[in-house]
PDB file of N, CA and C in Angstrom:
ATOM      1  N   UNK A   1       7.198 -45.442  -8.334  1.00  0.00           N
ATOM      2  CA  UNK A   1       7.418 -44.216  -9.013  1.00  0.00           C
ATOM      3  C   UNK A   1       8.706 -42.956  -8.146  1.00  0.00           C
ATOM      4  N   UNK A   2       9.619 -42.902  -8.881  1.00  0.00           N
ATOM      5  CA  UNK A   2      10.536 -42.038  -7.914  1.00  0.00           C
ATOM      6  C   UNK A   2      10.586 -40.427  -8.345  1.00  0.00           C
ATOM      7  N   UNK A   3       9.910 -39.575  -7.302  1.00  0.00           N
ATOM      8  CA  UNK A   3       9.520 -38.216  -7.277  1.00  0.00           C
ATOM      9  C   UNK A   3      10.229 -37.446  -6.534  1.00  0.00           C
ATOM     10  N   UNK A   4      11.379 -36.680  -6.738  1.00  0.00           N
ATOM     11  CA  UNK A   4      11.649 -35.521  -5.873  1.00  0.00           C
ATOM     12  C   UNK A   4      11.727 -34.223  -6.713  1.00  0.00           C
ATOM     13  N   UNK A   5      12.394 -33.600  -5.845  1.00  0.00           N
ATOM     14  CA  UNK A   5      12.639 -32.127  -6.167  1.00  0.00           C
ATOM     15  C   UNK A   5      13.874 -31.437  -5.769  1.00  0.00           C
ATOM     16  N   UNK A   6      14.213 -30.317  -6.451  1.00  0.00           N
ATOM     17  CA  UNK A   6      15.833 -29.932  -6.187  1.00  0.00           C
ATOM     18  C   UNK A   6      15.453 -28.435  -6.692  1.00  0.00           C
ATOM     19  N   UNK A   7      15.702 -27.491  -5.761  1.00  0.00           N
ATOM     20  CA  UNK A   7      15.429 -25.872  -6.456  1.00  0.00           C
ATOM     21  C   UNK A   7      14.767 -25.725  -7.436  1.00  0.00           C
ATOM     22  N   UNK A   8      14.465 -25.517  -8.731  1.00  0.00           N
ATOM     23  CA  UNK A   8      13.425 -25.465  -9.748  1.00  0.00           C
ATOM     24  C   UNK A   8      13.545 -26.184 -10.341  1.00  0.00           C
ATOM     25  N   UNK A   9      13.853 -27.429  -9.973  1.00  0.00           N
ATOM     26  CA  UNK A   9      13.544 -28.802 -10.794  1.00  0.00           C
ATOM     27  C   UNK A   9      12.869 -29.620 -10.007  1.00  0.00           C
ATOM     28  N   UNK A  10      11.743 -30.366 -10.605  1.00  0.00           N
ATOM     29  CA  UNK A  10      10.616 -31.686  -9.953  1.00  0.00           C
ATOM     30  C   UNK A  10      11.417 -32.464 -11.066  1.00  0.00           C
ATOM     31  N   UNK A  11      11.711 -33.923 -10.395  1.00  0.00           N
ATOM     32  CA  UNK A  11      12.226 -34.897 -11.189  1.00  0.00           C
ATOM     33  C   UNK A  11      11.294 -35.832 -10.851  1.00  0.00           C
ATOM     34  N   UNK A  12      10.597 -36.428 -12.007  1.00  0.00           N
ATOM     35  CA  UNK A  12       9.468 -37.677 -11.990  1.00  0.00           C
ATOM     36  C   UNK A  12      10.609 -38.954 -13.017  1.00  0.00           C
ATOM     37  N   UNK A  13      10.738 -40.166 -12.241  1.00  0.00           N
ATOM     38  CA  UNK A  13      11.975 -41.018 -12.841  1.00  0.00           C
ATOM     39  C   UNK A  13      12.782 -40.263 -13.212  1.00  0.00           C
ATOM     40  N   UNK A  14      13.184 -40.328 -14.621  1.00  0.00           N
ATOM     41  CA  UNK A  14      14.439 -39.603 -15.031  1.00  0.00           C
ATOM     42  C   UNK A  14      13.758 -38.014 -15.781  1.00  0.00           C
ATOM     43  N   UNK A  15      12.772 -38.003 -15.524  1.00  0.00           N
ATOM     44  CA  UNK A  15      11.979 -36.645 -16.320  1.00  0.00           C
ATOM     45  C   UNK A  15      12.099 -35.408 -15.632  1.00  0.00           C
ATOM     46  N   UNK A  16      12.831 -34.399 -16.097  1.00  0.00           N
ATOM     47  CA  UNK A  16      12.869 -33.160 -15.382  1.00  0.00           C
ATOM     48  C   UNK A  16      11.879 -32.302 -16.087  1.00  0.00           C
ATOM     49  N   UNK A  17      11.166 -31.250 -15.005  1.00  0.00           N
ATOM     50  CA  UNK A  17      10.155 -30.374 -15.280  1.00  0.00           C
ATOM     51  C   UNK A  17      10.802 -29.236 -14.699  1.00  0.00           C
ATOM     52  N   UNK A  18      10.963 -28.085 -14.947  1.00  0.00           N
ATOM     53  CA  UNK A  18      11.564 -26.898 -14.762  1.00  0.00           C
ATOM     54  C   UNK A  18      10.843 -25.722 -14.667  1.00  0.00           C
ATOM     55  N   UNK A  19      11.111 -24.941 -13.814  1.00  0.00           N
ATOM     56  CA  UNK A  19       9.875 -24.003 -13.026  1.00  0.00           C
ATOM     57  C   UNK A  19      11.017 -22.668 -12.894  1.00  0.00           C
ATOM     58  N   UNK A  20      10.324 -21.595 -12.936  1.00  0.00           N
ATOM     59  CA  UNK A  20      11.140 -19.849 -12.760  1.00  0.00           C
ATOM     60  C   UNK A  20      11.857 -19.366 -11.315  1.00  0.00           C
ATOM     61  N   UNK A  21      10.923 -20.384 -10.462  1.00  0.00           N
ATOM     62  CA  UNK A  21      11.347 -20.555  -9.117  1.00  0.00           C
ATOM     63  C   UNK A  21      11.037 -21.279  -8.526  1.00  0.00           C
ATOM     64  N   UNK A  22      12.064 -21.511  -7.170  1.00  0.00           N
ATOM     65  CA  UNK A  22      12.626 -22.543  -6.479  1.00  0.00           C
ATOM     66  C   UNK A  22      10.996 -22.987  -5.740  1.00  0.00           C
ATOM     67  N   UNK A  23      11.248 -24.887  -5.861  1.00  0.00           N
ATOM     68  CA  UNK A  23       9.867 -25.109  -5.377  1.00  0.00           C
ATOM     69  C   UNK A  23      10.196 -25.762  -3.853  1.00  0.00           C
ATOM     70  N   UNK A  24       9.154 -24.884  -3.250  1.00  0.00           N
ATOM     71  CA  UNK A  24       8.909 -24.849  -1.813  1.00  0.00           C
ATOM     72  C   UNK A  24       8.268 -26.148  -1.302  1.00  0.00           C
ATOM     73  N   UNK A  25       7.565 -26.828  -1.909  1.00  0.00           N
ATOM     74  CA  UNK A  25       6.602 -28.161  -1.433  1.00  0.00           C
ATOM     75  C   UNK A  25       6.000 -28.805  -2.254  1.00  0.00           C
ATOM     76  N   UNK A  26       5.917 -30.210  -2.030  1.00  0.00           N
ATOM     77  CA  UNK A  26       5.042 -30.918  -3.137  1.00  0.00           C
ATOM     78  C   UNK A  26       4.491 -31.829  -2.540  1.00  0.00           C
ATOM     79  N   UNK A  27       3.089 -32.019  -3.081  1.00  0.00           N
ATOM     80  CA  UNK A  27       2.495 -33.317  -2.146  1.00  0.00           C
ATOM     81  C   UNK A  27       2.191 -34.230  -3.557  1.00  0.00           C
ATOM     82  N   UNK A  28       2.010 -35.591  -3.144  1.00  0.00           N
ATOM     83  CA  UNK A  28       1.624 -36.733  -4.086  1.00  0.00           C
ATOM     84  C   UNK A  28       0.350 -37.448  -3.705  1.00  0.00           C
ATOM     85  N   UNK A  29      -0.529 -37.398  -4.507  1.00  0.00           N
ATOM     86  CA  UNK A  29      -2.166 -38.017  -4.427  1.00  0.00           C
ATOM     87  C   UNK A  29      -2.039 -38.669  -5.731  1.00  0.00           C
ATOM     88  N   UNK A  30      -2.342 -39.964  -5.488  1.00  0.00           N
ATOM     89  CA  UNK A  30      -2.591 -41.003  -6.746  1.00  0.00           C
ATOM     90  C   UNK A  30      -1.695 -40.533  -7.719  1.00  0.00           C
ATOM     91  N   UNK A  31      -2.415 -40.462  -8.806  1.00  0.00           N
ATOM     92  CA  UNK A  31      -1.591 -39.934 -10.070  1.00  0.00           C
ATOM     93  C   UNK A  31      -0.929 -38.555 -10.077  1.00  0.00           C
ATOM     94  N   UNK A  32      -0.890 -38.008  -8.932  1.00  0.00           N
ATOM     95  CA  UNK A  32      -0.923 -35.930  -9.340  1.00  0.00           C
ATOM     96  C   UNK A  32       0.146 -35.639  -8.231  1.00  0.00           C
ATOM     97  N   UNK A  33       1.008 -34.678  -8.614  1.00  0.00           N
ATOM     98  CA  UNK A  33       2.077 -34.301  -7.948  1.00  0.00           C
ATOM     99  C   UNK A  33       1.542 -32.825  -7.815  1.00  0.00           C
ATOM    100  N   UNK A  34       1.361 -32.256  -6.591  1.00  0.00           N
ATOM    101  CA  UNK A  34       0.904 -30.924  -6.733  1.00  0.00           C
ATOM    102  C   UNK A  34       2.477 -30.376  -6.026  1.00  0.00           C
ATOM    103  N   UNK A  35       2.560 -28.803  -6.959  1.00  0.00           N
ATOM    104  CA  UNK A  35       3.655 -28.332  -6.361  1.00  0.00           C
ATOM    105  C   UNK A  35       3.446 -26.609  -6.293  1.00  0.00           C
ATOM    106  N   UNK A  36       4.226 -26.855  -4.759  1.00  0.00           N
ATOM    107  CA  UNK A  36       4.282 -24.801  -4.677  1.00  0.00           C
ATOM    108  C   UNK A  36       5.490 -24.344  -4.675  1.00  0.00           C
ATOM    109  N   UNK A  37       5.427 -23.188  -5.746  1.00  0.00           N
ATOM    110  CA  UNK A  37       6.537 -22.507  -5.487  1.00  0.00           C
ATOM    111  C   UNK A  37       7.050 -21.888  -4.429  1.00  0.00           C
ATOM    112  N   UNK A  38       8.532 -21.460  -4.442  1.00  0.00           N
ATOM    113  CA  UNK A  38       8.591 -20.813  -3.419  1.00  0.00           C
ATOM    114  C   UNK A  38       8.735 -19.002  -3.997  1.00  0.00           C
ATOM    115  N   UNK A  39       7.965 -17.541  -4.139  1.00  0.00           N
ATOM    116  CA  UNK A  39       7.807 -16.750  -4.600  1.00  0.00           C
ATOM    117  C   UNK A  39       8.538 -15.749  -3.792  1.00  0.00           C
ATOM    118  N   UNK A  40      10.027 -15.181  -4.218  1.00  0.00           N
ATOM    119  CA  UNK A  40      10.563 -14.205  -3.463  1.00  0.00           C
ATOM    120  C   UNK A  40      10.050 -12.878  -3.220  1.00  0.00           C
ATOM    121  N   UNK A  41      10.194 -12.196  -2.299  1.00  0.00           N
ATOM    122  CA  UNK A  41       9.292 -11.625  -1.766  1.00  0.00           C
ATOM    123  C   UNK A  41       9.977  -9.410  -2.182  1.00  0.00           C
ATOM    124  N   UNK A  42      11.189  -9.919  -2.389  1.00  0.00           N
ATOM    125  CA  UNK A  42      11.535  -8.633  -3.025  1.00  0.00           C
ATOM    126  C   UNK A  42      11.574  -8.281  -4.809  1.00  0.00           C
ATOM    127  N   UNK A  43      10.556  -8.678  -5.187  1.00  0.00           N
ATOM    128  CA  UNK A  43      10.325  -8.447  -6.956  1.00  0.00           C
ATOM    129  C   UNK A  43       9.048  -7.615  -7.436  1.00  0.00           C
ATOM    130  N   UNK A  44       8.590  -7.334  -8.055  1.00  0.00           N
ATOM    131  CA  UNK A  44       7.476  -6.886  -8.488  1.00  0.00           C
ATOM    132  C   UNK A  44       6.605  -7.978  -9.041  1.00  0.00           C
ATOM    133  N   UNK A  45       5.315  -8.889  -8.157  1.00  0.00           N
ATOM    134  CA  UNK A  45       4.916  -9.949  -8.920  1.00  0.00           C
ATOM    135  C   UNK A  45       4.015  -9.599  -9.866  1.00  0.00           C
ATOM    136  N   UNK A  46       3.832 -10.559 -10.880  1.00  0.00           N
ATOM    137  CA  UNK A  46       3.097 -10.866 -11.599  1.00  0.00           C
ATOM    138  C   UNK A  46       1.859 -12.231 -11.588  1.00  0.00           C
ATOM    139  N   UNK A  47       1.171 -12.200 -12.385  1.00  0.00           N
ATOM    140  CA  UNK A  47      -0.092 -13.315 -12.413  1.00  0.00           C
ATOM    141  C   UNK A  47       0.579 -15.212 -11.928  1.00  0.00           C
ATOM    142  N   UNK A  48       1.809 -15.338 -12.687  1.00  0.00           N
ATOM    143  CA  UNK A  48       2.100 -16.680 -11.848  1.00  0.00           C
ATOM    144  C   UNK A  48       2.757 -16.475 -10.616  1.00  0.00           C
ATOM    145  N   UNK A  49       3.058 -15.343  -9.983  1.00  0.00           N
ATOM    146  CA  UNK A  49       3.072 -15.415  -8.897  1.00  0.00           C
ATOM    147  C   UNK A  49       2.553 -15.790  -7.958  1.00  0.00           C
ATOM    148  N   UNK A  50       1.561 -15.130  -8.079  1.00  0.00           N
ATOM    149  CA  UNK A  50      -0.290 -15.219  -7.418  1.00  0.00           C
ATOM    150  C   UNK A  50      -0.692 -16.356  -7.554  1.00  0.00           C
ATOM    151  N   UNK A  51      -0.546 -17.039  -8.488  1.00  0.00           N
ATOM    152  CA  UNK A  51      -0.982 -18.410  -9.219  1.00  0.00           C
ATOM    153  C   UNK A  51      -0.220 -19.540  -8.738  1.00  0.00           C
ATOM    154  N   UNK A  52       0.634 -19.562  -8.236  1.00  0.00           N
ATOM    155  CA  UNK A  52       2.264 -20.561  -7.324  1.00  0.00           C
ATOM    156  C   UNK A  52       1.616 -22.030  -7.660  1.00  0.00           C
ATOM    157  N   UNK A  53       0.510 -22.229  -7.492  1.00  0.00           N
ATOM    158  CA  UNK A  53       0.328 -24.197  -7.197  1.00  0.00           C
ATOM    159  C   UNK A  53      -0.249 -24.623  -8.590  1.00  0.00           C
ATOM    160  N   UNK A  54       0.557 -25.679  -8.727  1.00  0.00           N
ATOM    161  CA  UNK A  54       0.601 -26.505 -10.255  1.00  0.00           C
ATOM    162  C   UNK A  54       0.065 -27.712  -9.348  1.00  0.00           C
ATOM    163  N   UNK A  55      -0.112 -28.847 -10.471  1.00  0.00           N
ATOM    164  CA  UNK A  55      -0.680 -29.947 -10.915  1.00  0.00           C
ATOM    165  C   UNK A  55      -0.186 -30.698 -11.918  1.00  0.00           C
ATOM    166  N   UNK A  56       0.308 -31.600 -11.643  1.00  0.00           N
ATOM    167  CA  UNK A  56       0.934 -32.165 -12.826  1.00  0.00           C
ATOM    168  C   UNK A  56       0.700 -33.831 -12.734  1.00  0.00           C
ATOM    169  N   UNK A  57       0.676 -34.487 -13.616  1.00  0.00           N
ATOM    170  CA  UNK A  57       0.681 -35.875 -13.391  1.00  0.00           C
ATOM    171  C   UNK A  57       1.563 -36.862 -13.036  1.00  0.00           C
ATOM    172  N   UNK A  58       2.249 -38.075 -12.907  1.00  0.00           N
ATOM    173  CA  UNK A  58       2.852 -38.676 -12.524  1.00  0.00           C
ATOM    174  C   UNK A  58       3.661 -38.904 -13.701  1.00  0.00           C
ATOM    175  N   UNK A  59       3.200 -38.759 -14.831  1.00  0.00           N
ATOM    176  CA  UNK A  59       3.918 -38.778 -16.255  1.00  0.00           C
ATOM    177  C   UNK A  59       4.677 -37.559 -17.158  1.00  0.00           C
ATOM    178  N   UNK A  60       4.383 -36.874 -15.770  1.00  0.00           N
ATOM    179  CA  UNK A  60       4.663 -34.991 -16.080  1.00  0.00           C
ATOM    180  C   UNK A  60       4.219 -34.382 -17.473  1.00  0.00           C
ATOM    181  N   UNK A  61       2.922 -34.363 -16.966  1.00  0.00           N
ATOM    182  CA  UNK A  61       1.807 -33.656 -17.918  1.00  0.00           C
ATOM    183  C   UNK A  61       1.447 -32.329 -16.754  1.00  0.00           C
ATOM    184  N   UNK A  62       1.541 -31.364 -17.363  1.00  0.00           N
ATOM    185  CA  UNK A  62       0.852 -29.924 -16.647  1.00  0.00           C
ATOM    186  C   UNK A  62      -0.587 -30.254 -16.938  1.00  0.00           C
ATOM    187  N   UNK A  63      -1.208 -30.745 -15.680  1.00  0.00           N
ATOM    188  CA  UNK A  63      -2.812 -30.307 -15.535  1.00  0.00           C
ATOM    189  C   UNK A  63      -3.411 -29.547 -15.384  1.00  0.00           C
ATOM    190  N   UNK A  64      -2.683 -28.805 -14.199  1.00  0.00           N
ATOM    191  CA  UNK A  64      -3.440 -27.115 -14.412  1.00  0.00           C
ATOM    192  C   UNK A  64      -2.575 -26.130 -13.426  1.00  0.00           C
ATOM    193  N   UNK A  65      -2.858 -24.828 -13.529  1.00  0.00           N
ATOM    194  CA  UNK A  65      -2.458 -24.155 -12.316  1.00  0.00           C
ATOM    195  C   UNK A  65      -3.435 -23.264 -12.062  1.00  0.00           C
ATOM    196  N   UNK A  66      -3.086 -23.525 -10.336  1.00  0.00           N
ATOM    197  CA  UNK A  66      -4.115 -22.948  -9.776  1.00  0.00           C
ATOM    198  C   UNK A  66      -5.307 -21.946 -10.200  1.00  0.00           C
ATOM    199  N   UNK A  67      -6.514 -22.084 -10.011  1.00  0.00           N
ATOM    200  CA  UNK A  67      -7.403 -20.990 -10.840  1.00  0.00           C
ATOM    201  C   UNK A  67      -7.534 -19.443  -9.547  1.00  0.00           C
ATOM    202  N   UNK A  68      -8.330 -18.614 -10.329  1.00  0.00           N
ATOM    203  CA  UNK A  68      -8.147 -17.352  -9.512  1.00  0.00           C
ATOM    204  C   UNK A  68      -8.886 -17.447  -8.179  1.00  0.00           C
ATOM    205  N   UNK A  69      -8.219 -16.460  -7.707  1.00  0.00           N
ATOM    206  CA  UNK A  69      -9.113 -16.342  -6.133  1.00  0.00           C
ATOM    207  C   UNK A  69     -10.354 -15.682  -6.622  1.00  0.00           C
ATOM    208  N   UNK A  70     -11.416 -15.889  -5.365  1.00  0.00           N
ATOM    209  CA  UNK A  70     -12.456 -14.874  -5.184  1.00  0.00           C
ATOM    210  C   UNK A  70     -12.270 -13.413  -5.048  1.00  0.00           C
ATOM    211  N   UNK A  71     -11.428 -13.590  -4.059  1.00  0.00           N
ATOM    212  CA  UNK A  71     -11.204 -11.819  -3.798  1.00  0.00           C
ATOM    213  C   UNK A  71     -10.155 -11.303  -3.942  1.00  0.00           C
ATOM    214  N   UNK A  72      -9.546 -11.819  -5.540  1.00  0.00           N
ATOM    215  CA  UNK A  72      -8.784 -11.100  -5.920  1.00  0.00           C
ATOM    216  C   UNK A  72      -6.826 -11.574  -5.681  1.00  0.00           C
ATOM    217  N   UNK A  73      -6.353 -11.012  -6.485  1.00  0.00           N
ATOM    218  CA  UNK A  73      -4.686 -11.841  -6.487  1.00  0.00           C
ATOM    219  C   UNK A  73      -3.637 -11.248  -5.314  1.00  0.00           C
ATOM    220  N   UNK A  74      -3.790 -10.817  -4.569  1.00  0.00           N
ATOM    221  CA  UNK A  74      -3.457 -10.068  -4.008  1.00  0.00           C
ATOM    222  C   UNK A  74      -1.962 -10.792  -2.315  1.00  0.00           C
ATOM    223  N   UNK A  75      -1.924 -11.969  -2.414  1.00  0.00           N
ATOM    224  CA  UNK A  75      -1.136 -12.844  -1.918  1.00  0.00           C
ATOM    225  C   UNK A  75      -0.602 -14.137  -2.516  1.00  0.00           C
ATOM    226  N   UNK A  76       0.572 -14.126  -2.216  1.00  0.00           N
ATOM    227  CA  UNK A  76       0.677 -15.726  -3.247  1.00  0.00           C
ATOM    228  C   UNK A  76       0.293 -16.577  -2.115  1.00  0.00           C
ATOM    229  N   UNK A  77       0.762 -18.249  -2.252  1.00  0.00           N
ATOM    230  CA  UNK A  77       0.135 -19.189  -1.521  1.00  0.00           C
ATOM    231  C   UNK A  77       1.544 -19.192  -0.905  1.00  0.00           C
ATOM    232  N   UNK A  78       1.651 -20.379   0.268  1.00  0.00           N
ATOM    233  CA  UNK A  78       2.747 -20.207   1.230  1.00  0.00           C
ATOM    234  C   UNK A  78       2.897 -21.506   1.820  1.00  0.00           C
ATOM    235  N   UNK A  79       1.696 -22.877   1.421  1.00  0.00           N
ATOM    236  CA  UNK A  79       1.544 -23.617   2.144  1.00  0.00           C
ATOM    237  C   UNK A  79       0.695 -24.427   1.405  1.00  0.00           C
ATOM    238  N   UNK A  80       1.081 -25.868   0.913  1.00  0.00           N
ATOM    239  CA  UNK A  80      -0.379 -26.653   0.791  1.00  0.00           C
ATOM    240  C   UNK A  80      -0.753 -28.214   1.256  1.00  0.00           C
ATOM    241  N   UNK A  81      -1.963 -28.616   1.251  1.00  0.00           N
ATOM    242  CA  UNK A  81      -1.909 -29.616   1.668  1.00  0.00           C
ATOM    243  C   UNK A  81      -3.152 -30.161   1.123  1.00  0.00           C
ATOM    244  N   UNK A  82      -3.341 -31.853   1.443  1.00  0.00           N
ATOM    245  CA  UNK A  82      -4.387 -32.287   0.694  1.00  0.00           C
ATOM    246  C   UNK A  82      -4.950 -33.450   1.699  1.00  0.00           C
ATOM    247  N   UNK A  83      -6.302 -33.748   1.401  1.00  0.00           N
ATOM    248  CA  UNK A  83      -6.978 -34.624   2.182  1.00  0.00           C
ATOM    249  C   UNK A  83      -7.694 -35.668   0.760  1.00  0.00           C
ATOM    250  N   UNK A  84      -8.625 -37.003   1.319  1.00  0.00           N
ATOM    251  CA  UNK A  84      -9.250 -37.700   0.206  1.00  0.00           C
ATOM    252  C   UNK A  84      -9.881 -36.757  -0.666  1.00  0.00           C
ATOM    253  N   UNK A  85     -10.302 -35.555  -0.315  1.00  0.00           N
ATOM    254  CA  UNK A  85     -11.733 -34.946  -1.127  1.00  0.00           C
ATOM    255  C   UNK A  85     -10.785 -33.283  -2.028  1.00  0.00           C
ATOM    256  N   UNK A  86      -9.859 -32.615  -1.033  1.00  0.00           N
ATOM    257  CA  UNK A  86      -9.667 -31.576  -1.819  1.00  0.00           C
ATOM    258  C   UNK A  86      -7.951 -31.314  -1.512  1.00  0.00           C
ATOM    259  N   UNK A  87      -7.704 -30.251  -2.717  1.00  0.00           N
ATOM    260  CA  UNK A  87      -6.567 -29.833  -1.923  1.00  0.00           C
ATOM    261  C   UNK A  87      -6.559 -28.482  -1.266  1.00  0.00           C
ATOM    262  N   UNK A  88      -5.689 -27.919  -0.652  1.00  0.00           N
ATOM    263  CA  UNK A  88      -5.793 -26.767   0.172  1.00  0.00           C
ATOM    264  C   UNK A  88      -4.477 -26.005   0.228  1.00  0.00           C
ATOM    265  N   UNK A  89      -4.838 -24.629   0.024  1.00  0.00           N
ATOM    266  CA  UNK A  89      -3.801 -23.990  -0.497  1.00  0.00           C
ATOM    267  C   UNK A  89      -3.985 -22.600   0.286  1.00  0.00           C
ATOM    268  N   UNK A  90      -3.136 -22.309   1.223  1.00  0.00           N
ATOM    269  CA  UNK A  90      -2.736 -21.102   2.145  1.00  0.00           C
ATOM    270  C   UNK A  90      -1.954 -20.276   1.642  1.00  0.00           C
ATOM    271  N   UNK A  91      -2.189 -18.890   1.854  1.00  0.00           N
ATOM    272  CA  UNK A  91      -1.753 -17.603   1.858  1.00  0.00           C
ATOM    273  C   UNK A  91      -0.863 -17.131   2.821  1.00  0.00           C
ATOM    274  N   UNK A  92      -0.282 -16.000   2.856  1.00  0.00           N
ATOM    275  CA  UNK A  92       0.719 -15.511   3.887  1.00  0.00           C
ATOM    276  C   UNK A  92      -0.376 -14.642   4.532  1.00  0.00           C
ATOM    277  N   UNK A  93      -1.709 -14.185   4.321  1.00  0.00           N
ATOM    278  CA  UNK A  93      -3.091 -13.436   5.043  1.00  0.00           C
ATOM    279  C   UNK A  93      -3.496 -14.196   5.684  1.00  0.00           C
ATOM    280  N   UNK A  94      -3.520 -15.762   5.793  1.00  0.00           N
ATOM    281  CA  UNK A  94      -4.282 -16.639   6.832  1.00  0.00           C
ATOM    282  C   UNK A  94      -5.631 -17.202   6.003  1.00  0.00           C
ATOM    283  N   UNK A  95      -5.528 -16.992   4.900  1.00  0.00           N
ATOM    284  CA  UNK A  95      -6.626 -17.603   3.874  1.00  0.00           C
ATOM    285  C   UNK A  95      -6.218 -18.766   3.608  1.00  0.00           C
ATOM    286  N   UNK A  96      -7.425 -20.142   4.052  1.00  0.00           N
ATOM    287  CA  UNK A  96      -6.921 -21.047   3.148  1.00  0.00           C
ATOM    288  C   UNK A  96      -8.459 -21.549   2.384  1.00  0.00           C
ATOM    289  N   UNK A  97      -7.883 -21.721   0.877  1.00  0.00           N
ATOM    290  CA  UNK A  97      -8.449 -22.075   0.109  1.00  0.00           C
ATOM    291  C   UNK A  97      -8.897 -23.731  -0.233  1.00  0.00           C
ATOM    292  N   UNK A  98     -10.053 -23.749  -0.487  1.00  0.00           N
ATOM    293  CA  UNK A  98     -10.298 -25.096  -0.808  1.00  0.00           C
ATOM    294  C   UNK A  98     -10.000 -25.138  -2.057  1.00  0.00           C
ATOM    295  N   UNK A  99      -9.520 -26.220  -2.767  1.00  0.00           N
ATOM    296  CA  UNK A  99      -9.227 -26.563  -4.382  1.00  0.00           C
ATOM    297  C   UNK A  99      -9.967 -27.363  -4.837  1.00  0.00           C
ATOM    298  N   UNK A 100     -10.729 -27.886  -5.812  1.00  0.00           N
ATOM    299  CA  UNK A 100     -11.048 -28.777  -6.418  1.00  0.00           C
ATOM    300  C   UNK A 100      -9.519 -29.825  -7.036  1.00  0.00           C
ATOM    301  N   UNK A 101      -9.696 -30.636  -6.665  1.00  0.00           N
ATOM    302  CA  UNK A 101      -7.931 -31.404  -7.130  1.00  0.00           C
ATOM    303  C   UNK A 101      -7.619 -31.652  -8.714  1.00  0.00           C
ATOM    304  N   UNK A 102      -8.966 -31.879  -9.083  1.00  0.00           N
ATOM    305  CA  UNK A 102      -8.961 -32.754 -10.674  1.00  0.00           C
ATOM    306  C   UNK A 102      -8.957 -31.042 -11.528  1.00  0.00           C
ATOM    307  N   UNK A 103      -9.432 -30.132 -10.947  1.00  0.00           N
ATOM    308  CA  UNK A 103      -9.483 -28.710 -12.234  1.00  0.00           C
ATOM    309  C   UNK A 103      -8.572 -27.504 -11.919  1.00  0.00           C
ATOM    310  N   UNK A 104      -8.329 -27.789 -10.615  1.00  0.00           N
ATOM    311  CA  UNK A 104      -7.559 -26.418  -9.655  1.00  0.00           C
ATOM    312  C   UNK A 104      -8.457 -25.223  -9.736  1.00  0.00           C
ATOM    313  N   UNK A 105      -9.484 -25.270  -9.899  1.00  0.00           N
ATOM    314  CA  UNK A 105     -10.594 -24.095  -9.551  1.00  0.00           C
ATOM    315  C   UNK A 105     -10.941 -24.020  -7.654  1.00  0.00           C
ATOM    316  N   UNK A 106     -10.633 -22.603  -7.816  1.00  0.00           N
ATOM    317  CA  UNK A 106     -11.318 -22.526  -6.021  1.00  0.00           C
ATOM    318  C   UNK A 106     -12.387 -22.648  -5.661  1.00  0.00           C
ATOM    319  N   UNK A 107     -12.709 -23.277  -4.878  1.00  0.00           N
ATOM    320  CA  UNK A 107     -14.085 -23.458  -4.568  1.00  0.00           C
ATOM    321  C   UNK A 107     -14.474 -22.964  -3.165  1.00  0.00           C
ATOM    322  N   UNK A 108     -13.717 -22.509  -2.273  1.00  0.00           N
ATOM    323  CA  UNK A 108     -14.253 -22.114  -0.924  1.00  0.00           C
ATOM    324  C   UNK A 108     -12.776 -21.487  -0.271  1.00  0.00           C
ATOM    325  N   UNK A 109     -13.157 -20.782   0.769  1.00  0.00           N
ATOM    326  CA  UNK A 109     -12.119 -20.271   1.484  1.00  0.00           C
ATOM    327  C   UNK A 109     -12.269 -19.768   2.634  1.00  0.00           C
ATOM    328  N   UNK A 110     -11.524 -20.209   3.739  1.00  0.00           N
ATOM    329  CA  UNK A 110     -11.527 -19.962   5.190  1.00  0.00           C
ATOM    330  C   UNK A 110     -10.609 -18.789   5.959  1.00  0.00           C
ATOM    331  N   UNK A 111     -10.525 -18.032   6.650  1.00  0.00           N
ATOM    332  CA  UNK A 111      -9.519 -17.183   7.063  1.00  0.00           C
ATOM    333  C   UNK A 111      -9.172 -18.083   8.450  1.00  0.00           C
ATOM    334  N   UNK A 112      -8.113 -18.131   8.544  1.00  0.00           N
ATOM    335  CA  UNK A 112      -7.187 -18.975   9.666  1.00  0.00           C
ATOM    336  C   UNK A 112      -6.557 -18.195  10.664  1.00  0.00           C
ATOM    337  N   UNK A 113      -6.423 -17.579  10.945  1.00  0.00           N
ATOM    338  CA  UNK A 113      -5.378 -15.912  11.276  1.00  0.00           C
ATOM    339  C   UNK A 113      -6.367 -15.386  12.450  1.00  0.00           C
TER     340      UNK A 113
END
């Protein structure tokens, strides 16, 4: 399956999924595609900006948008990573969130700075 991204678009085979912001990073795990959007710092931020991690199936179906942080929504995510069990999302304040890959719910946090 061919998956790629460019600017604000994710391409899965011949299907295009558009976002309001540029895509910064994607991670592919089995039948899931995790997308991190690059949120500009020079604008007033809204809910979607603070929840800038999404999961799509390899068929292009939106599965979830990342859940609410336990400590509030004061920072956007800047990096994502995956392992066998979890998705990890870091914000610019040095916090690393453990995310349940099936639901997008945040289940833990570690300060990394």
